[in-house]
Amino acid sequence: MRMPDKLSAYCRKCQKHQVMKVKQEKGGRRSGGLNWSHRRMKHRRRGHGNLGRYSKKPVTQTKMASKTSKKIDLRLTCPECGKKAVMNRPRTKRIEIFRAI
């Protein structure tokens, strides 16, 4: 997918349309620790007996169909106020940001 490096978009802070700079957002890092529900599930899965939704192990990734592409996140920067906004784009294998004339 080809995207121009400048895009006209609405700025919520200025409350008007601006020609904004476009930059591809980097993917987020995976957090090291497990959150509360995952810790609880891990604890409840050990042992015996029916524990409701915690009794079954999750389906492995090999049994699920994997996606071949990721959704693209673009970061738009307003030239007037400097406010940044994230814009979602559909799934693509790669994105090319070209200089618009």
C-alpha atoms as a PDB file:
ATOM      1  CA  MET A   1       0.000   0.000   0.000  1.00  0.00           C
ATOM      2  CA  ARG A   2       1.318   3.459  -0.889  1.00  0.00           C
ATOM      3  CA  MET A   3       0.621   6.413   1.401  1.00  0.00           C
ATOM      4  CA  PRO A   4       1.661  10.052   0.929  1.00  0.00           C
ATOM      5  CA  ASP A   5       3.909  11.563   3.630  1.00  0.00           C
ATOM      6  CA  LYS A   6       1.433  14.459   4.076  1.00  0.00           C
ATOM      7  CA  LEU A   7      -2.308  13.981   4.451  1.00  0.00           C
ATOM      8  CA  SER A   8      -5.238  16.336   4.992  1.00  0.00           C
ATOM      9  CA  ALA A   9      -7.006  15.340   8.200  1.00  0.00           C
ATOM     10  CA  TYR A  10      -9.094  16.851  11.000  1.00  0.00           C
ATOM     11  CA  CYS A  11      -7.284  17.999  14.165  1.00  0.00           C
ATOM     12  CA  ARG A  12      -9.425  17.628  17.278  1.00  0.00           C
ATOM     13  CA  LYS A  13      -7.408  20.167  19.246  1.00  0.00           C
ATOM     14  CA  CYS A  14      -7.432  22.928  16.575  1.00  0.00           C
ATOM     15  CA  GLN A  15     -10.929  21.845  15.443  1.00  0.00           C
ATOM     16  CA  LYS A  16     -10.118  22.276  11.746  1.00  0.00           C
ATOM     17  CA  HIS A  17      -8.598  20.384   8.837  1.00  0.00           C
ATOM     18  CA  GLN A  18      -4.803  20.540   8.492  1.00  0.00           C
ATOM     19  CA  VAL A  19      -2.187  19.023   6.189  1.00  0.00           C
ATOM     20  CA  MET A  20      -0.510  16.617   8.627  1.00  0.00           C
ATOM     21  CA  LYS A  21       2.743  14.673   8.548  1.00  0.00           C
ATOM     22  CA  VAL A  22       2.337  10.894   8.286  1.00  0.00           C
ATOM     23  CA  LYS A  23       4.656   8.410   9.998  1.00  0.00           C
ATOM     24  CA  GLN A  24       4.268   4.664  10.499  1.00  0.00           C
ATOM     25  CA  GLU A  25       3.661   3.671  14.110  1.00  0.00           C
ATOM     26  CA  LYS A  26       5.960   0.992  15.528  1.00  0.00           C
ATOM     27  CA  GLY A  27       4.425  -2.154  16.991  1.00  0.00           C
ATOM     28  CA  GLY A  28       3.995  -2.232  20.769  1.00  0.00           C
ATOM     29  CA  ARG A  29       6.225  -4.337  22.971  1.00  0.00           C
ATOM     30  CA  ARG A  30       4.821  -7.399  24.723  1.00  0.00           C
ATOM     31  CA  SER A  31       4.555  -6.828  28.461  1.00  0.00           C
ATOM     32  CA  GLY A  32       6.748  -9.054  30.635  1.00  0.00           C
ATOM     33  CA  GLY A  33       4.303  -9.905  33.440  1.00  0.00           C
ATOM     34  CA  LEU A  34       0.912 -11.541  33.166  1.00  0.00           C
ATOM     35  CA  ASN A  35      -2.135  -9.505  34.085  1.00  0.00           C
ATOM     36  CA  TRP A  36      -4.485 -10.491  36.923  1.00  0.00           C
ATOM     37  CA  SER A  37      -6.880 -12.644  34.868  1.00  0.00           C
ATOM     38  CA  HIS A  38      -4.035 -14.612  33.253  1.00  0.00           C
ATOM     39  CA  ARG A  39      -2.374 -15.245  36.629  1.00  0.00           C
ATOM     40  CA  ARG A  40      -5.704 -16.451  38.021  1.00  0.00           C
ATOM     41  CA  MET A  41      -6.317 -18.704  35.007  1.00  0.00           C
ATOM     42  CA  LYS A  42      -2.821 -20.197  35.305  1.00  0.00           C
ATOM     43  CA  HIS A  43      -3.421 -20.974  38.969  1.00  0.00           C
ATOM     44  CA  ARG A  44      -6.920 -22.434  38.439  1.00  0.00           C
ATOM     45  CA  ARG A  45      -5.815 -24.683  35.542  1.00  0.00           C
ATOM     46  CA  ARG A  46      -3.621 -26.744  37.867  1.00  0.00           C
ATOM     47  CA  GLY A  47      -5.168 -29.581  39.847  1.00  0.00           C
ATOM     48  CA  HIS A  48      -8.486 -31.391  39.492  1.00  0.00           C
ATOM     49  CA  GLY A  49     -12.188 -30.665  39.214  1.00  0.00           C
ATOM     50  CA  ASN A  50     -14.414 -28.480  37.118  1.00  0.00           C
ATOM     51  CA  LEU A  51     -13.561 -24.806  37.599  1.00  0.00           C
ATOM     52  CA  GLY A  52     -15.874 -23.367  34.932  1.00  0.00           C
ATOM     53  CA  ARG A  53     -14.151 -21.336  32.261  1.00  0.00           C
ATOM     54  CA  TYR A  54     -10.749 -21.971  33.888  1.00  0.00           C
ATOM     55  CA  SER A  55     -11.012 -25.757  33.493  1.00  0.00           C
ATOM     56  CA  LYS A  56     -10.122 -25.925  29.794  1.00  0.00           C
ATOM     57  CA  LYS A  57      -6.711 -25.190  28.373  1.00  0.00           C
ATOM     58  CA  PRO A  58      -6.714 -22.619  25.538  1.00  0.00           C
ATOM     59  CA  VAL A  59      -6.581 -23.731  21.898  1.00  0.00           C
ATOM     60  CA  THR A  60      -2.999 -23.754  20.637  1.00  0.00           C
ATOM     61  CA  GLN A  61      -1.851 -21.377  17.919  1.00  0.00           C
ATOM     62  CA  THR A  62      -1.082 -24.295  15.584  1.00  0.00           C
ATOM     63  CA  LYS A  63      -4.759 -25.271  15.484  1.00  0.00           C
ATOM     64  CA  MET A  64      -5.889 -21.718  14.686  1.00  0.00           C
ATOM     65  CA  ALA A  65      -5.414 -20.165  11.255  1.00  0.00           C
ATOM     66  CA  SER A  66      -2.700 -17.512  11.361  1.00  0.00           C
ATOM     67  CA  LYS A  67      -2.961 -14.105   9.739  1.00  0.00           C
ATOM     68  CA  THR A  68      -0.541 -13.300   6.925  1.00  0.00           C
ATOM     69  CA  SER A  69      -0.582  -9.535   7.442  1.00  0.00           C
ATOM     70  CA  LYS A  70      -0.980  -6.920  10.164  1.00  0.00           C
ATOM     71  CA  LYS A  71      -3.178  -3.857  10.401  1.00  0.00           C
ATOM     72  CA  ILE A  72      -1.228  -0.653   9.779  1.00  0.00           C
ATOM     73  CA  ASP A  73      -1.208   2.191  12.324  1.00  0.00           C
ATOM     74  CA  LEU A  74      -0.205   5.629  11.058  1.00  0.00           C
ATOM     75  CA  ARG A  75       0.741   8.531  13.313  1.00  0.00           C
ATOM     76  CA  LEU A  76      -0.491  11.942  12.142  1.00  0.00           C
ATOM     77  CA  THR A  77       1.162  15.093  13.552  1.00  0.00           C
ATOM     78  CA  CYS A  78      -0.579  18.476  13.383  1.00  0.00           C
ATOM     79  CA  PRO A  79       1.823  21.221  12.205  1.00  0.00           C
ATOM     80  CA  GLU A  80       0.041  23.968  14.171  1.00  0.00           C
ATOM     81  CA  CYS A  81      -0.404  22.520  17.669  1.00  0.00           C
ATOM     82  CA  GLY A  82       1.867  19.429  17.459  1.00  0.00           C
ATOM     83  CA  LYS A  83      -0.932  17.085  18.598  1.00  0.00           C
ATOM     84  CA  LYS A  84      -0.494  13.477  17.448  1.00  0.00           C
ATOM     85  CA  ALA A  85      -3.270  11.108  16.435  1.00  0.00           C
ATOM     86  CA  VAL A  86      -3.233   7.452  15.378  1.00  0.00           C
ATOM     87  CA  MET A  87      -5.072   6.404  12.213  1.00  0.00           C
ATOM     88  CA  ASN A  88      -5.919   2.773  11.442  1.00  0.00           C
ATOM     89  CA  ARG A  89      -5.548   1.362   7.939  1.00  0.00           C
ATOM     90  CA  PRO A  90      -6.676  -2.034   6.615  1.00  0.00           C
ATOM     91  CA  ARG A  91      -4.466  -5.123   6.538  1.00  0.00           C
ATOM     92  CA  THR A  92      -1.460  -4.966   4.222  1.00  0.00           C
ATOM     93  CA  LYS A  93       1.780  -6.911   3.978  1.00  0.00           C
ATOM     94  CA  ARG A  94       3.862  -3.757   3.627  1.00  0.00           C
ATOM     95  CA  ILE A  95       3.401  -0.007   3.457  1.00  0.00           C
ATOM     96  CA  GLU A  96       5.378   2.559   1.473  1.00  0.00           C
ATOM     97  CA  ILE A  97       5.251   6.213   2.511  1.00  0.00           C
ATOM     98  CA  PHE A  98       6.195   8.353  -0.509  1.00  0.00           C
ATOM     99  CA  ARG A  99       6.945  12.074  -0.747  1.00  0.00           C
ATOM    100  CA  ALA A 100       3.935  13.909  -2.168  1.00  0.00           C
ATOM    101  CA  ILE A 101       4.718  16.764  -4.546  1.00  0.00           C
END
